[in-house]
N, C-alpha and C. Protein backbone atom coordinates (compact mmCIF):
# COMPACT_ATOMS: atom_id res chain seq x y z
N MET A 1 22.79 -98.36 -28.09
CA MET A 1 21.43 -99.57 -28.53
C MET A 1 20.05 -98.36 -27.91
N GLU A 2 19.41 -98.56 -29.02
CA GLU A 2 17.86 -98.06 -28.18
C GLU A 2 17.72 -98.98 -27.13
N SER A 3 17.06 -98.76 -26.38
CA SER A 3 16.24 -99.23 -24.99
C SER A 3 14.63 -99.72 -25.53
N SER A 4 14.33 -100.38 -25.47
CA SER A 4 12.76 -101.25 -26.00
C SER A 4 11.87 -99.79 -25.78
N PHE A 5 11.80 -99.01 -24.51
CA PHE A 5 11.09 -98.17 -23.96
C PHE A 5 11.13 -96.56 -24.90
N ILE A 6 11.99 -96.43 -25.04
CA ILE A 6 12.34 -95.62 -26.20
C ILE A 6 12.23 -95.83 -27.27
N SER A 7 12.45 -96.95 -27.74
CA SER A 7 11.74 -97.18 -29.24
C SER A 7 10.32 -96.98 -28.98
N ARG A 8 9.83 -97.24 -28.37
CA ARG A 8 7.88 -97.48 -28.27
C ARG A 8 7.65 -96.02 -27.90
N VAL A 9 8.14 -95.24 -27.27
CA VAL A 9 7.76 -94.02 -27.15
C VAL A 9 8.25 -93.39 -28.65
N ARG A 10 9.04 -93.57 -28.62
CA ARG A 10 9.15 -92.86 -30.47
C ARG A 10 8.31 -93.62 -31.44
N GLU A 11 8.28 -94.58 -31.63
CA GLU A 11 6.90 -95.56 -32.23
C GLU A 11 5.32 -95.26 -31.81
N LYS A 12 5.13 -94.43 -31.31
CA LYS A 12 3.82 -93.92 -30.66
C LYS A 12 4.06 -92.68 -31.28
N ALA A 13 5.07 -91.64 -31.08
CA ALA A 13 5.06 -90.52 -31.39
C ALA A 13 4.56 -90.58 -33.09
N ARG A 14 5.42 -91.00 -33.34
CA ARG A 14 5.07 -91.33 -35.43
C ARG A 14 3.39 -91.31 -35.94
N ILE A 15 3.37 -92.06 -34.48
CA ILE A 15 1.59 -92.17 -34.98
C ILE A 15 1.05 -91.38 -34.97
N GLN A 16 1.15 -90.27 -34.09
CA GLN A 16 0.41 -89.05 -32.96
C GLN A 16 1.10 -88.83 -31.89
N ILE A 17 1.09 -87.20 -31.64
CA ILE A 17 1.43 -86.88 -30.65
C ILE A 17 0.33 -85.90 -30.01
N ILE A 18 -0.26 -86.14 -28.62
CA ILE A 18 -1.22 -85.93 -28.42
C ILE A 18 -0.65 -84.63 -26.72
N PHE A 19 -1.05 -83.29 -26.73
CA PHE A 19 -1.10 -83.11 -25.72
C PHE A 19 -1.57 -83.16 -24.76
N THR A 20 -1.71 -82.64 -23.13
CA THR A 20 -1.96 -82.88 -22.21
C THR A 20 -2.50 -80.93 -22.10
N GLU A 21 -3.91 -80.66 -21.60
CA GLU A 21 -3.78 -79.46 -20.92
C GLU A 21 -2.68 -78.96 -20.15
N HIS A 22 -2.19 -79.77 -19.29
CA HIS A 22 -0.97 -79.50 -18.58
C HIS A 22 -0.37 -78.52 -19.27
N ALA A 23 0.25 -80.16 -20.24
CA ALA A 23 1.34 -79.32 -21.12
C ALA A 23 1.24 -78.21 -21.98
N LEU A 24 -0.04 -78.19 -22.70
CA LEU A 24 -0.32 -76.92 -23.00
C LEU A 24 0.05 -75.84 -22.43
N ASP A 25 -0.44 -75.48 -21.28
CA ASP A 25 -0.60 -74.07 -20.57
C ASP A 25 1.32 -74.43 -19.93
N ARG A 26 1.19 -75.55 -19.97
CA ARG A 26 3.63 -74.77 -19.27
C ARG A 26 4.19 -74.47 -20.67
N MET A 27 3.59 -75.17 -21.91
CA MET A 27 4.25 -74.46 -23.42
C MET A 27 4.23 -73.42 -23.32
N ASN A 28 2.99 -72.32 -23.15
CA ASN A 28 2.69 -71.10 -23.44
C ASN A 28 2.96 -70.50 -22.48
N GLU A 29 3.04 -71.09 -21.02
CA GLU A 29 3.62 -69.82 -20.03
C GLU A 29 5.38 -69.73 -19.58
N GLN A 30 5.82 -69.93 -20.36
CA GLN A 30 7.07 -69.99 -20.32
C GLN A 30 7.17 -68.36 -20.91
N ARG A 31 8.49 -67.55 -20.91
CA ARG A 31 9.25 -66.52 -21.09
C ARG A 31 8.92 -66.43 -22.89
N GLU A 32 9.71 -67.76 -22.91
CA GLU A 32 9.24 -67.89 -24.46
C GLU A 32 8.93 -69.09 -24.89
N VAL A 33 7.59 -68.73 -26.02
CA VAL A 33 6.74 -70.34 -26.14
C VAL A 33 7.53 -71.32 -26.38
N ILE A 34 7.83 -72.40 -26.16
CA ILE A 34 7.93 -73.96 -26.36
C ILE A 34 7.29 -74.37 -27.52
N THR A 35 7.81 -75.17 -28.54
CA THR A 35 6.76 -75.14 -29.64
C THR A 35 7.02 -76.39 -30.12
N PRO A 36 5.76 -77.15 -30.57
CA PRO A 36 5.52 -78.42 -30.85
C PRO A 36 6.72 -79.03 -32.05
N SER A 37 7.86 -78.43 -32.61
CA SER A 37 8.72 -78.68 -32.83
C SER A 37 9.50 -78.96 -32.10
N GLU A 38 9.86 -78.32 -30.84
CA GLU A 38 10.88 -78.67 -29.88
C GLU A 38 10.70 -79.53 -29.17
N VAL A 39 9.29 -79.85 -28.92
CA VAL A 39 9.05 -80.90 -28.43
C VAL A 39 9.63 -82.36 -29.29
N ARG A 40 9.01 -82.45 -30.23
CA ARG A 40 9.76 -83.20 -31.57
C ARG A 40 11.17 -83.36 -31.45
N ARG A 41 11.74 -82.36 -31.27
CA ARG A 41 13.07 -82.65 -31.03
C ARG A 41 13.64 -83.24 -30.47
N VAL A 42 12.83 -83.46 -29.21
CA VAL A 42 13.43 -83.88 -27.40
C VAL A 42 13.48 -85.40 -27.74
N ILE A 43 11.80 -85.69 -28.10
CA ILE A 43 11.43 -86.86 -28.98
C ILE A 43 12.19 -87.87 -29.71
N PHE A 44 12.59 -87.14 -30.53
CA PHE A 44 13.03 -88.25 -31.13
C PHE A 44 14.81 -87.70 -31.52
N GLY A 45 15.52 -86.99 -31.02
CA GLY A 45 16.83 -87.09 -30.53
C GLY A 45 17.35 -86.50 -28.91
N GLY A 46 16.71 -86.53 -28.34
CA GLY A 46 16.69 -86.99 -26.75
C GLY A 46 17.24 -87.93 -26.15
N GLU A 47 17.12 -88.29 -24.52
CA GLU A 47 17.27 -89.37 -24.17
C GLU A 47 16.52 -88.96 -22.82
N ILE A 48 16.00 -90.69 -22.48
CA ILE A 48 15.36 -90.69 -21.33
C ILE A 48 16.61 -90.33 -20.06
N ILE A 49 15.84 -89.63 -18.78
CA ILE A 49 16.60 -89.08 -17.63
C ILE A 49 16.15 -89.77 -16.43
N GLU A 50 15.17 -89.73 -16.73
CA GLU A 50 14.57 -90.18 -15.22
C GLU A 50 13.09 -91.54 -16.43
N ASP A 51 13.19 -93.06 -15.40
CA ASP A 51 11.80 -93.48 -16.16
C ASP A 51 10.98 -94.35 -14.67
N TYR A 52 9.73 -93.72 -14.76
CA TYR A 52 8.75 -94.13 -13.70
C TYR A 52 7.92 -94.95 -14.44
N PRO A 53 8.35 -96.21 -14.41
CA PRO A 53 7.45 -97.77 -14.78
C PRO A 53 6.31 -97.66 -14.16
N GLU A 54 5.95 -97.42 -12.39
CA GLU A 54 5.01 -97.24 -11.70
C GLU A 54 4.24 -95.68 -12.21
N ASP A 55 4.40 -95.18 -12.91
CA ASP A 55 3.17 -94.34 -12.86
C ASP A 55 1.74 -94.13 -13.00
N LYS A 56 0.83 -93.19 -11.86
CA LYS A 56 -0.26 -94.04 -12.74
C LYS A 56 -1.37 -93.10 -13.70
N ARG A 57 -0.02 -92.42 -14.67
CA ARG A 57 -0.87 -92.70 -15.97
C ARG A 57 -0.46 -93.52 -16.92
N GLY A 58 0.21 -94.11 -16.31
CA GLY A 58 0.94 -95.57 -17.03
C GLY A 58 2.65 -95.44 -16.74
N HIS A 59 3.39 -96.12 -17.47
CA HIS A 59 4.72 -95.90 -17.45
C HIS A 59 4.70 -94.82 -18.49
N SER A 60 5.99 -93.98 -18.12
CA SER A 60 6.26 -92.73 -18.47
C SER A 60 7.44 -92.50 -18.71
N CYS A 61 8.31 -91.14 -18.83
CA CYS A 61 9.48 -91.26 -18.50
C CYS A 61 9.95 -90.19 -18.45
N LEU A 62 10.54 -88.77 -18.45
CA LEU A 62 11.60 -87.65 -18.17
C LEU A 62 12.62 -87.53 -19.31
N MET A 63 11.97 -87.13 -20.92
CA MET A 63 13.13 -87.07 -21.25
C MET A 63 14.11 -85.17 -21.23
N TYR A 64 15.35 -85.51 -21.62
CA TYR A 64 16.31 -84.38 -22.13
C TYR A 64 16.40 -84.08 -23.74
N ALA A 65 16.80 -83.02 -23.68
CA ALA A 65 17.48 -82.69 -25.56
C ALA A 65 17.86 -80.88 -25.57
N ASN A 66 18.39 -80.84 -26.04
CA ASN A 66 18.82 -79.10 -26.38
C ASN A 66 18.09 -79.22 -27.68
N THR A 67 16.88 -77.84 -27.62
CA THR A 67 16.05 -77.70 -28.83
C THR A 67 17.24 -76.86 -29.83
N ASN A 68 16.43 -76.41 -31.15
CA ASN A 68 17.28 -75.61 -31.95
C ASN A 68 17.17 -74.50 -31.47
N LYS A 69 16.50 -73.99 -30.34
CA LYS A 69 16.79 -72.59 -29.88
C LYS A 69 18.19 -72.85 -28.84
N ASP A 70 18.59 -73.88 -28.86
CA ASP A 70 19.91 -74.01 -28.21
C ASP A 70 19.70 -73.93 -26.56
N ARG A 71 18.47 -74.53 -26.70
CA ARG A 71 17.91 -73.98 -24.64
C ARG A 71 17.20 -75.78 -24.17
N PRO A 72 18.19 -75.91 -23.06
CA PRO A 72 17.75 -77.68 -22.53
C PRO A 72 16.15 -77.64 -22.15
N LEU A 73 15.15 -78.59 -22.71
CA LEU A 73 13.77 -78.50 -22.80
C LEU A 73 13.55 -80.15 -21.92
N HIS A 74 12.87 -79.93 -20.71
CA HIS A 74 12.59 -81.27 -20.50
C HIS A 74 10.90 -82.27 -21.03
N VAL A 75 10.70 -83.17 -21.35
CA VAL A 75 9.58 -83.41 -21.79
C VAL A 75 9.01 -84.40 -20.93
N VAL A 76 8.03 -84.79 -20.01
CA VAL A 76 7.36 -85.85 -19.35
C VAL A 76 6.44 -86.89 -20.35
N CYS A 77 6.97 -87.61 -20.60
CA CYS A 77 5.56 -88.62 -21.75
C CYS A 77 5.26 -89.70 -21.82
N ALA A 78 4.45 -90.40 -21.97
CA ALA A 78 3.54 -91.52 -22.08
C ALA A 78 3.39 -92.21 -23.11
N PRO A 79 3.76 -93.65 -23.21
CA PRO A 79 3.23 -94.11 -24.65
C PRO A 79 1.73 -94.93 -24.24
N LYS A 80 1.02 -94.98 -25.67
CA LYS A 80 -0.40 -95.47 -25.00
C LYS A 80 -0.48 -95.91 -26.64
N GLU A 81 -1.43 -96.59 -26.29
CA GLU A 81 -1.93 -97.78 -27.79
C GLU A 81 -1.58 -97.30 -28.84
N ASP A 82 -2.54 -95.85 -29.19
CA ASP A 82 -2.30 -95.08 -30.96
C ASP A 82 -1.54 -93.98 -30.29
N TYR A 83 -0.85 -93.59 -29.33
CA TYR A 83 0.21 -92.06 -29.41
C TYR A 83 0.84 -92.22 -28.35
N LEU A 84 1.22 -90.95 -28.53
CA LEU A 84 2.59 -90.66 -27.14
C LEU A 84 1.80 -89.85 -26.40
N GLY A 85 1.35 -89.47 -25.64
CA GLY A 85 0.52 -88.30 -24.76
C GLY A 85 2.13 -87.69 -23.53
N ILE A 86 1.83 -86.38 -24.24
CA ILE A 86 2.75 -85.54 -23.26
C ILE A 86 1.94 -84.74 -22.38
N ILE A 87 2.45 -84.92 -21.59
CA ILE A 87 2.36 -84.87 -19.58
C ILE A 87 2.91 -83.63 -19.68
N THR A 88 3.98 -83.45 -19.49
CA THR A 88 4.44 -81.69 -18.72
C THR A 88 5.54 -81.58 -19.88
N VAL A 89 5.68 -79.76 -20.35
CA VAL A 89 6.62 -79.63 -21.46
C VAL A 89 7.25 -78.24 -20.06
N TYR A 90 9.21 -78.56 -20.36
CA TYR A 90 9.47 -77.20 -19.25
C TYR A 90 10.80 -77.09 -19.21
N VAL A 91 10.86 -76.08 -19.52
CA VAL A 91 12.86 -75.32 -19.55
C VAL A 91 13.30 -76.15 -18.06
N PRO A 92 14.20 -76.95 -18.03
CA PRO A 92 14.83 -76.88 -16.36
C PRO A 92 15.44 -75.95 -15.80
N ALA A 93 14.92 -75.70 -14.37
CA ALA A 93 15.71 -74.37 -13.68
C ALA A 93 17.25 -74.87 -13.11
N PRO A 94 18.05 -73.89 -13.10
CA PRO A 94 19.50 -74.28 -13.24
C PRO A 94 18.85 -74.54 -10.95
N ASP A 95 18.42 -74.01 -9.82
CA ASP A 95 18.15 -74.09 -9.60
C ASP A 95 18.24 -75.36 -8.46
N ASN A 96 17.14 -76.66 -9.64
CA ASN A 96 16.96 -77.93 -9.35
C ASN A 96 17.56 -78.61 -10.32
N TRP A 97 18.08 -78.13 -11.27
CA TRP A 97 19.40 -79.47 -11.99
C TRP A 97 20.87 -78.86 -11.81
N GLY A 98 21.56 -79.86 -12.26
CA GLY A 98 22.82 -79.84 -12.44
C GLY A 98 23.38 -79.17 -13.38
N GLY A 99 24.47 -78.12 -14.12
CA GLY A 99 25.08 -77.87 -14.94
C GLY A 99 24.22 -78.72 -16.57
N ASP A 100 24.01 -80.14 -16.56
CA ASP A 100 23.83 -81.19 -17.47
C ASP A 100 22.34 -81.22 -17.21
N PHE A 101 22.15 -80.87 -16.91
CA PHE A 101 20.38 -80.47 -16.46
C PHE A 101 19.33 -82.00 -16.88
N LYS A 102 20.62 -83.18 -16.36
CA LYS A 102 20.30 -84.40 -16.16
C LYS A 102 20.01 -84.83 -14.94
N THR A 103 20.54 -84.11 -13.99
CA THR A 103 20.80 -84.66 -12.75
C THR A 103 19.84 -83.78 -11.93
N ARG A 104 19.21 -84.09 -10.93
CA ARG A 104 18.69 -83.24 -10.57
C ARG A 104 19.59 -82.96 -8.25
N ARG A 105 19.34 -81.92 -8.10
CA ARG A 105 20.10 -80.97 -7.23
C ARG A 105 19.06 -81.57 -6.04
N ASP A 106 19.67 -81.96 -5.00
CA ASP A 106 19.80 -82.43 -3.24
C ASP A 106 18.87 -81.23 -2.89
């Protein structure tokens, strides 16, 4: 069963998705550009791997999924009143994440 927070994330994304300047910069700096459709795949088909209820930008989370380009992708997002804010997006580095890309390495 979906948690209420992931349901809220997806509900706000259905209304509108707004990318921060930082997220757009990250999407364009990768070796291969990260597309908005890949971000949507994470939001609607991925899972929350870290929850940040006390984030200064408001309750946010780190989501993970493999994209249609068969690469892992992390999306940090925060549901707002009328939209989902995308804070950052990146392909996780194997040096920083376990083989499942869900567990941080120490």
